[in-house]
PDB file of N, CA and C in Angstrom:
ATOM      1  N   MET A   1      73.702  -6.464  93.283  1.00  0.00           N
ATOM      2  CA  MET A   1      73.155  -7.136  92.037  1.00  0.00           C
ATOM      3  C   MET A   1      74.446  -7.188  91.492  1.00  0.00           C
ATOM      4  N   GLN A   2      74.023  -8.221  90.630  1.00  0.00           N
ATOM      5  CA  GLN A   2      74.936  -8.385  89.456  1.00  0.00           C
ATOM      6  C   GLN A   2      74.252  -8.780  88.376  1.00  0.00           C
ATOM      7  N   ILE A   3      75.531  -8.137  87.726  1.00  0.00           N
ATOM      8  CA  ILE A   3      75.378  -7.939  86.217  1.00  0.00           C
ATOM      9  C   ILE A   3      76.047  -8.770  85.148  1.00  0.00           C
ATOM     10  N   SER A   4      74.891  -9.827  84.353  1.00  0.00           N
ATOM     11  CA  SER A   4      75.739 -10.522  83.777  1.00  0.00           C
ATOM     12  C   SER A   4      76.115 -10.438  82.447  1.00  0.00           C
ATOM     13  N   LYS A   5      76.573 -11.341  82.187  1.00  0.00           N
ATOM     14  CA  LYS A   5      77.674 -11.119  80.565  1.00  0.00           C
ATOM     15  C   LYS A   5      77.446 -10.107  79.925  1.00  0.00           C
ATOM     16  N   GLU A   6      75.907 -10.621  79.313  1.00  0.00           N
ATOM     17  CA  GLU A   6      74.893  -9.219  78.463  1.00  0.00           C
ATOM     18  C   GLU A   6      75.316  -8.521  78.699  1.00  0.00           C
ATOM     19  N   GLN A   7      74.010  -7.826  80.031  1.00  0.00           N
ATOM     20  CA  GLN A   7      74.022  -7.318  80.639  1.00  0.00           C
ATOM     21  C   GLN A   7      75.297  -5.924  80.298  1.00  0.00           C
ATOM     22  N   ASN A   8      76.434  -6.586  80.622  1.00  0.00           N
ATOM     23  CA  ASN A   8      77.561  -5.858  80.840  1.00  0.00           C
ATOM     24  C   ASN A   8      78.154  -5.565  79.254  1.00  0.00           C
ATOM     25  N   LEU A   9      77.956  -6.414  78.371  1.00  0.00           N
ATOM     26  CA  LEU A   9      78.185  -6.048  76.562  1.00  0.00           C
ATOM     27  C   LEU A   9      77.323  -4.954  76.137  1.00  0.00           C
ATOM     28  N   CYS A  10      75.884  -5.240  76.498  1.00  0.00           N
ATOM     29  CA  CYS A  10      75.245  -3.948  76.102  1.00  0.00           C
ATOM     30  C   CYS A  10      75.495  -2.670  76.991  1.00  0.00           C
ATOM     31  N   LEU A  11      75.432  -3.064  77.972  1.00  0.00           N
ATOM     32  CA  LEU A  11      76.287  -1.328  78.826  1.00  0.00           C
ATOM     33  C   LEU A  11      77.182  -1.224  78.270  1.00  0.00           C
ATOM     34  N   LYS A  12      78.404  -1.445  78.045  1.00  0.00           N
ATOM     35  CA  LYS A  12      79.382  -1.223  76.835  1.00  0.00           C
ATOM     36  C   LYS A  12      79.177  -0.522  76.452  1.00  0.00           C
ATOM     37  N   THR A  13      78.450  -1.352  74.827  1.00  0.00           N
ATOM     38  CA  THR A  13      77.892  -1.321  73.609  1.00  0.00           C
ATOM     39  C   THR A  13      77.087   0.172  73.669  1.00  0.00           C
ATOM     40  N   VAL A  14      76.254   0.810  74.958  1.00  0.00           N
ATOM     41  CA  VAL A  14      75.434   1.634  74.925  1.00  0.00           C
ATOM     42  C   VAL A  14      76.646   3.112  75.105  1.00  0.00           C
ATOM     43  N   CYS A  15      77.633   2.729  75.699  1.00  0.00           N
ATOM     44  CA  CYS A  15      78.623   3.416  76.236  1.00  0.00           C
ATOM     45  C   CYS A  15      79.426   3.908  74.608  1.00  0.00           C
ATOM     46  N   ASP A  16      79.635   3.008  74.368  1.00  0.00           N
ATOM     47  CA  ASP A  16      80.341   3.420  73.340  1.00  0.00           C
ATOM     48  C   ASP A  16      79.996   4.128  72.261  1.00  0.00           C
ATOM     49  N   LEU A  17      77.963   3.469  71.713  1.00  0.00           N
ATOM     50  CA  LEU A  17      77.634   4.855  71.272  1.00  0.00           C
ATOM     51  C   LEU A  17      77.475   6.067  71.611  1.00  0.00           C
ATOM     52  N   ALA A  18      77.239   6.098  73.242  1.00  0.00           N
ATOM     53  CA  ALA A  18      77.449   7.542  73.391  1.00  0.00           C
ATOM     54  C   ALA A  18      79.080   8.581  73.034  1.00  0.00           C
ATOM     55  N   VAL A  19      79.745   7.940  73.215  1.00  0.00           N
ATOM     56  CA  VAL A  19      81.336   7.907  72.526  1.00  0.00           C
ATOM     57  C   VAL A  19      81.030   8.555  71.627  1.00  0.00           C
ATOM     58  N   LEU A  20      80.564   7.672  70.297  1.00  0.00           N
ATOM     59  CA  LEU A  20      80.778   7.833  69.125  1.00  0.00           C
ATOM     60  C   LEU A  20      79.923   9.117  68.231  1.00  0.00           C
ATOM     61  N   LYS A  21      78.221   9.143  69.085  1.00  0.00           N
ATOM     62  CA  LYS A  21      77.680  10.439  69.235  1.00  0.00           C
ATOM     63  C   LYS A  21      78.321  11.675  69.176  1.00  0.00           C
ATOM     64  N   SER A  22      79.016  11.891  70.611  1.00  0.00           N
ATOM     65  CA  SER A  22      79.777  13.098  71.141  1.00  0.00           C
ATOM     66  C   SER A  22      81.073  13.221  69.970  1.00  0.00           C
ATOM     67  N   GLN A  23      80.994  12.265  69.533  1.00  0.00           N
ATOM     68  CA  GLN A  23      82.831  12.647  68.881  1.00  0.00           C
ATOM     69  C   GLN A  23      81.932  12.788  67.272  1.00  0.00           C
ATOM     70  N   LEU A  24      80.881  12.363  67.103  1.00  0.00           N
ATOM     71  CA  LEU A  24      79.729  12.938  65.062  1.00  0.00           C
ATOM     72  C   LEU A  24      79.754  14.180  65.638  1.00  0.00           C
ATOM     73  N   LEU A  25      78.948  15.001  67.071  1.00  0.00           N
ATOM     74  CA  LEU A  25      77.897  16.067  66.640  1.00  0.00           C
ATOM     75  C   LEU A  25      78.931  17.357  67.097  1.00  0.00           C
ATOM     76  N   THR A  26      80.363  17.110  68.013  1.00  0.00           N
ATOM     77  CA  THR A  26      81.809  17.915  67.782  1.00  0.00           C
ATOM     78  C   THR A  26      82.554  17.852  66.289  1.00  0.00           C
ATOM     79  N   GLU A  27      82.346  16.592  65.621  1.00  0.00           N
ATOM     80  CA  GLU A  27      82.635  16.821  64.247  1.00  0.00           C
ATOM     81  C   GLU A  27      81.889  17.815  63.295  1.00  0.00           C
ATOM     82  N   ILE A  28      80.858  17.473  63.690  1.00  0.00           N
ATOM     83  CA  ILE A  28      79.733  18.693  62.578  1.00  0.00           C
ATOM     84  C   ILE A  28      79.718  19.787  62.956  1.00  0.00           C
ATOM     85  N   THR A  29      79.394  19.807  64.450  1.00  0.00           N
ATOM     86  CA  THR A  29      79.870  21.689  64.718  1.00  0.00           C
ATOM     87  C   THR A  29      80.926  22.387  64.706  1.00  0.00           C
ATOM     88  N   GLU A  30      81.795  21.008  64.209  1.00  0.00           N
ATOM     89  CA  GLU A  30      83.388  22.193  64.344  1.00  0.00           C
ATOM     90  C   GLU A  30      83.513  22.076  62.218  1.00  0.00           C
ATOM     91  N   LYS A  31      82.366  21.054  61.551  1.00  0.00           N
ATOM     92  CA  LYS A  31      82.682  21.343  59.955  1.00  0.00           C
ATOM     93  C   LYS A  31      81.254  22.798  59.655  1.00  0.00           C
ATOM     94  N   GLU A  32      80.121  22.504  60.225  1.00  0.00           N
ATOM     95  CA  GLU A  32      79.808  23.949  60.435  1.00  0.00           C
ATOM     96  C   GLU A  32      80.407  25.215  60.583  1.00  0.00           C
ATOM     97  N   SER A  33      80.828  24.953  61.468  1.00  0.00           N
ATOM     98  CA  SER A  33      81.457  26.726  62.268  1.00  0.00           C
ATOM     99  C   SER A  33      82.564  27.002  61.249  1.00  0.00           C
ATOM    100  N   VAL A  34      82.768  25.661  60.064  1.00  0.00           N
ATOM    101  CA  VAL A  34      83.738  26.334  59.418  1.00  0.00           C
ATOM    102  C   VAL A  34      83.225  26.085  57.761  1.00  0.00           C
ATOM    103  N   ASN A  35      82.920  27.918  57.084  1.00  0.00           N
ATOM    104  CA  ASN A  35      81.844  28.069  56.413  1.00  0.00           C
ATOM    105  C   ASN A  35      83.119  28.918  55.159  1.00  0.00           C
ATOM    106  N   LEU A  36      83.725  27.516  54.523  1.00  0.00           N
ATOM    107  CA  LEU A  36      84.626  28.146  53.459  1.00  0.00           C
ATOM    108  C   LEU A  36      83.982  27.973  52.231  1.00  0.00           C
ATOM    109  N   PRO A  37      84.228  28.424  51.650  1.00  0.00           N
ATOM    110  CA  PRO A  37      83.590  28.232  50.191  1.00  0.00           C
ATOM    111  C   PRO A  37      84.113  27.551  49.775  1.00  0.00           C
ATOM    112  N   MET A  38      85.711  27.275  49.499  1.00  0.00           N
ATOM    113  CA  MET A  38      86.134  25.716  48.754  1.00  0.00           C
ATOM    114  C   MET A  38      86.313  25.198  49.852  1.00  0.00           C
ATOM    115  N   PRO A  39      86.228  23.728  50.433  1.00  0.00           N
ATOM    116  CA  PRO A  39      87.136  23.186  51.317  1.00  0.00           C
ATOM    117  C   PRO A  39      88.760  22.420  51.210  1.00  0.00           C
ATOM    118  N   SER A  40      89.257  23.178  52.579  1.00  0.00           N
ATOM    119  CA  SER A  40      90.383  22.900  52.408  1.00  0.00           C
ATOM    120  C   SER A  40      90.671  21.074  52.719  1.00  0.00           C
ATOM    121  N   GLY A  41      91.708  20.337  52.283  1.00  0.00           N
ATOM    122  CA  GLY A  41      92.445  19.114  52.711  1.00  0.00           C
ATOM    123  C   GLY A  41      91.595  19.050  54.290  1.00  0.00           C
ATOM    124  N   ILE A  42      92.008  20.021  54.963  1.00  0.00           N
ATOM    125  CA  ILE A  42      91.242  19.731  56.796  1.00  0.00           C
ATOM    126  C   ILE A  42      89.824  19.147  56.311  1.00  0.00           C
ATOM    127  N   ASP A  43      89.720  20.721  56.101  1.00  0.00           N
ATOM    128  CA  ASP A  43      87.622  19.879  55.548  1.00  0.00           C
ATOM    129  C   ASP A  43      87.507  18.821  55.347  1.00  0.00           C
ATOM    130  N   LEU A  44      88.011  18.011  53.831  1.00  0.00           N
ATOM    131  CA  LEU A  44      87.653  17.145  53.439  1.00  0.00           C
ATOM    132  C   LEU A  44      88.058  15.648  54.378  1.00  0.00           C
ATOM    133  N   LEU A  45      89.006  16.440  55.130  1.00  0.00           N
ATOM    134  CA  LEU A  45      89.141  15.098  56.096  1.00  0.00           C
ATOM    135  C   LEU A  45      88.757  14.791  57.703  1.00  0.00           C
ATOM    136  N   ARG A  46      88.048  15.996  58.063  1.00  0.00           N
ATOM    137  CA  ARG A  46      87.200  15.834  58.667  1.00  0.00           C
ATOM    138  C   ARG A  46      85.799  15.112  58.212  1.00  0.00           C
ATOM    139  N   PHE A  47      85.175  16.034  56.890  1.00  0.00           N
ATOM    140  CA  PHE A  47      84.851  15.074  56.533  1.00  0.00           C
ATOM    141  C   PHE A  47      84.203  13.687  56.102  1.00  0.00           C
ATOM    142  N   LYS A  48      85.735  13.704  56.251  1.00  0.00           N
ATOM    143  CA  LYS A  48      85.340  11.578  55.815  1.00  0.00           C
ATOM    144  C   LYS A  48      86.059  10.970  57.600  1.00  0.00           C
ATOM    145  N   ARG A  49      85.656  12.044  58.305  1.00  0.00           N
ATOM    146  CA  ARG A  49      85.963  11.060  59.634  1.00  0.00           C
ATOM    147  C   ARG A  49      84.175  11.430  59.694  1.00  0.00           C
ATOM    148  N   VAL A  50      83.544  12.148  59.520  1.00  0.00           N
ATOM    149  CA  VAL A  50      81.944  12.562  60.154  1.00  0.00           C
ATOM    150  C   VAL A  50      81.744  11.163  59.339  1.00  0.00           C
ATOM    151  N   CYS A  51      81.393  10.790  57.974  1.00  0.00           N
ATOM    152  CA  CYS A  51      81.646  10.014  57.249  1.00  0.00           C
ATOM    153  C   CYS A  51      81.645   8.553  57.819  1.00  0.00           C
ATOM    154  N   GLU A  52      83.238   7.973  58.607  1.00  0.00           N
ATOM    155  CA  GLU A  52      82.984   7.695  59.199  1.00  0.00           C
ATOM    156  C   GLU A  52      82.400   6.596  60.281  1.00  0.00           C
ATOM    157  N   LEU A  53      82.668   7.723  61.164  1.00  0.00           N
ATOM    158  CA  LEU A  53      81.744   8.097  62.422  1.00  0.00           C
ATOM    159  C   LEU A  53      79.737   7.680  62.370  1.00  0.00           C
ATOM    160  N   ARG A  54      79.810   8.362  61.034  1.00  0.00           N
ATOM    161  CA  ARG A  54      78.095   8.157  61.055  1.00  0.00           C
ATOM    162  C   ARG A  54      77.811   6.302  61.020  1.00  0.00           C
ATOM    163  N   LYS A  55      78.569   5.857  59.690  1.00  0.00           N
ATOM    164  CA  LYS A  55      79.125   4.138  59.726  1.00  0.00           C
ATOM    165  C   LYS A  55      78.925   3.839  61.212  1.00  0.00           C
ATOM    166  N   GLN A  56      79.755   3.411  61.728  1.00  0.00           N
ATOM    167  CA  GLN A  56      80.514   3.003  62.905  1.00  0.00           C
ATOM    168  C   GLN A  56      79.076   3.675  63.799  1.00  0.00           C
ATOM    169  N   LEU A  57      78.550   4.590  63.998  1.00  0.00           N
ATOM    170  CA  LEU A  57      77.036   4.979  64.864  1.00  0.00           C
ATOM    171  C   LEU A  57      75.933   3.984  64.179  1.00  0.00           C
ATOM    172  N   ASN A  58      75.640   3.710  62.917  1.00  0.00           N
ATOM    173  CA  ASN A  58      74.505   2.896  62.448  1.00  0.00           C
ATOM    174  C   ASN A  58      74.670   1.202  62.283  1.00  0.00           C
ATOM    175  N   ASP A  59      76.067   1.025  62.371  1.00  0.00           N
ATOM    176  CA  ASP A  59      76.522  -0.113  62.521  1.00  0.00           C
ATOM    177  C   ASP A  59      76.451  -0.641  64.179  1.00  0.00           C
ATOM    178  N   VAL A  60      76.887   0.319  65.145  1.00  0.00           N
ATOM    179  CA  VAL A  60      75.993   0.039  66.951  1.00  0.00           C
ATOM    180  C   VAL A  60      74.555   0.034  67.084  1.00  0.00           C
ATOM    181  N   ILE A  61      74.394   0.879  66.334  1.00  0.00           N
ATOM    182  CA  ILE A  61      72.361   0.874  66.282  1.00  0.00           C
ATOM    183  C   ILE A  61      72.026  -0.169  65.606  1.00  0.00           C
ATOM    184  N   LYS A  62      72.240  -0.623  64.719  1.00  0.00           N
ATOM    185  CA  LYS A  62      72.043  -2.089  64.031  1.00  0.00           C
ATOM    186  C   LYS A  62      72.399  -3.264  64.573  1.00  0.00           C
ATOM    187  N   GLU A  63      73.517  -3.209  65.553  1.00  0.00           N
ATOM    188  CA  GLU A  63      73.821  -4.329  66.409  1.00  0.00           C
ATOM    189  C   GLU A  63      72.405  -3.727  67.633  1.00  0.00           C
ATOM    190  N   LEU A  64      72.415  -3.161  68.434  1.00  0.00           N
ATOM    191  CA  LEU A  64      71.559  -2.876  69.271  1.00  0.00           C
ATOM    192  C   LEU A  64      70.688  -3.493  69.400  1.00  0.00           C
ATOM    193  N   ASP A  65      69.602  -2.874  68.191  1.00  0.00           N
ATOM    194  CA  ASP A  65      68.502  -3.243  67.297  1.00  0.00           C
ATOM    195  C   ASP A  65      68.204  -5.164  67.560  1.00  0.00           C
ATOM    196  N   ARG A  66      69.546  -5.370  66.773  1.00  0.00           N
ATOM    197  CA  ARG A  66      69.383  -6.608  66.545  1.00  0.00           C
ATOM    198  C   ARG A  66      69.485  -7.790  68.231  1.00  0.00           C
ATOM    199  N   ARG A  67      69.924  -7.171  68.997  1.00  0.00           N
ATOM    200  CA  ARG A  67      70.413  -8.017  70.028  1.00  0.00           C
ATOM    201  C   ARG A  67      69.181  -7.810  70.951  1.00  0.00           C
ATOM    202  N   LYS A  68      68.037  -6.605  70.709  1.00  0.00           N
ATOM    203  CA  LYS A  68      67.063  -6.010  72.026  1.00  0.00           C
ATOM    204  C   LYS A  68      65.636  -7.186  70.969  1.00  0.00           C
ATOM    205  N   GLY A  69      65.985  -7.485  69.770  1.00  0.00           N
ATOM    206  CA  GLY A  69      65.441  -8.608  68.652  1.00  0.00           C
ATOM    207  C   GLY A  69      65.412 -10.137  69.427  1.00  0.00           C
ATOM    208  N   ASN A  70      66.468 -10.291  70.251  1.00  0.00           N
ATOM    209  CA  ASN A  70      67.153 -11.880  70.425  1.00  0.00           C
ATOM    210  C   ASN A  70      65.585 -12.365  72.216  1.00  0.00           C
TER     211      ASN A  70
END
């Protein structure tokens, strides 16, 4: 079975999405396990990273939806 370039790109995108989801879940779990009353610099960096990953995840989902529509 031969895979077209478009199918290969979609497969890579889905794999990238799975990796981003895994990273996001890991970071959220780490964040939730640290219950400090006052966030430290490290917690703020983690929160910023979670926000970046969430944005990347949303961008990938939008791109998948766009391609699905074509």
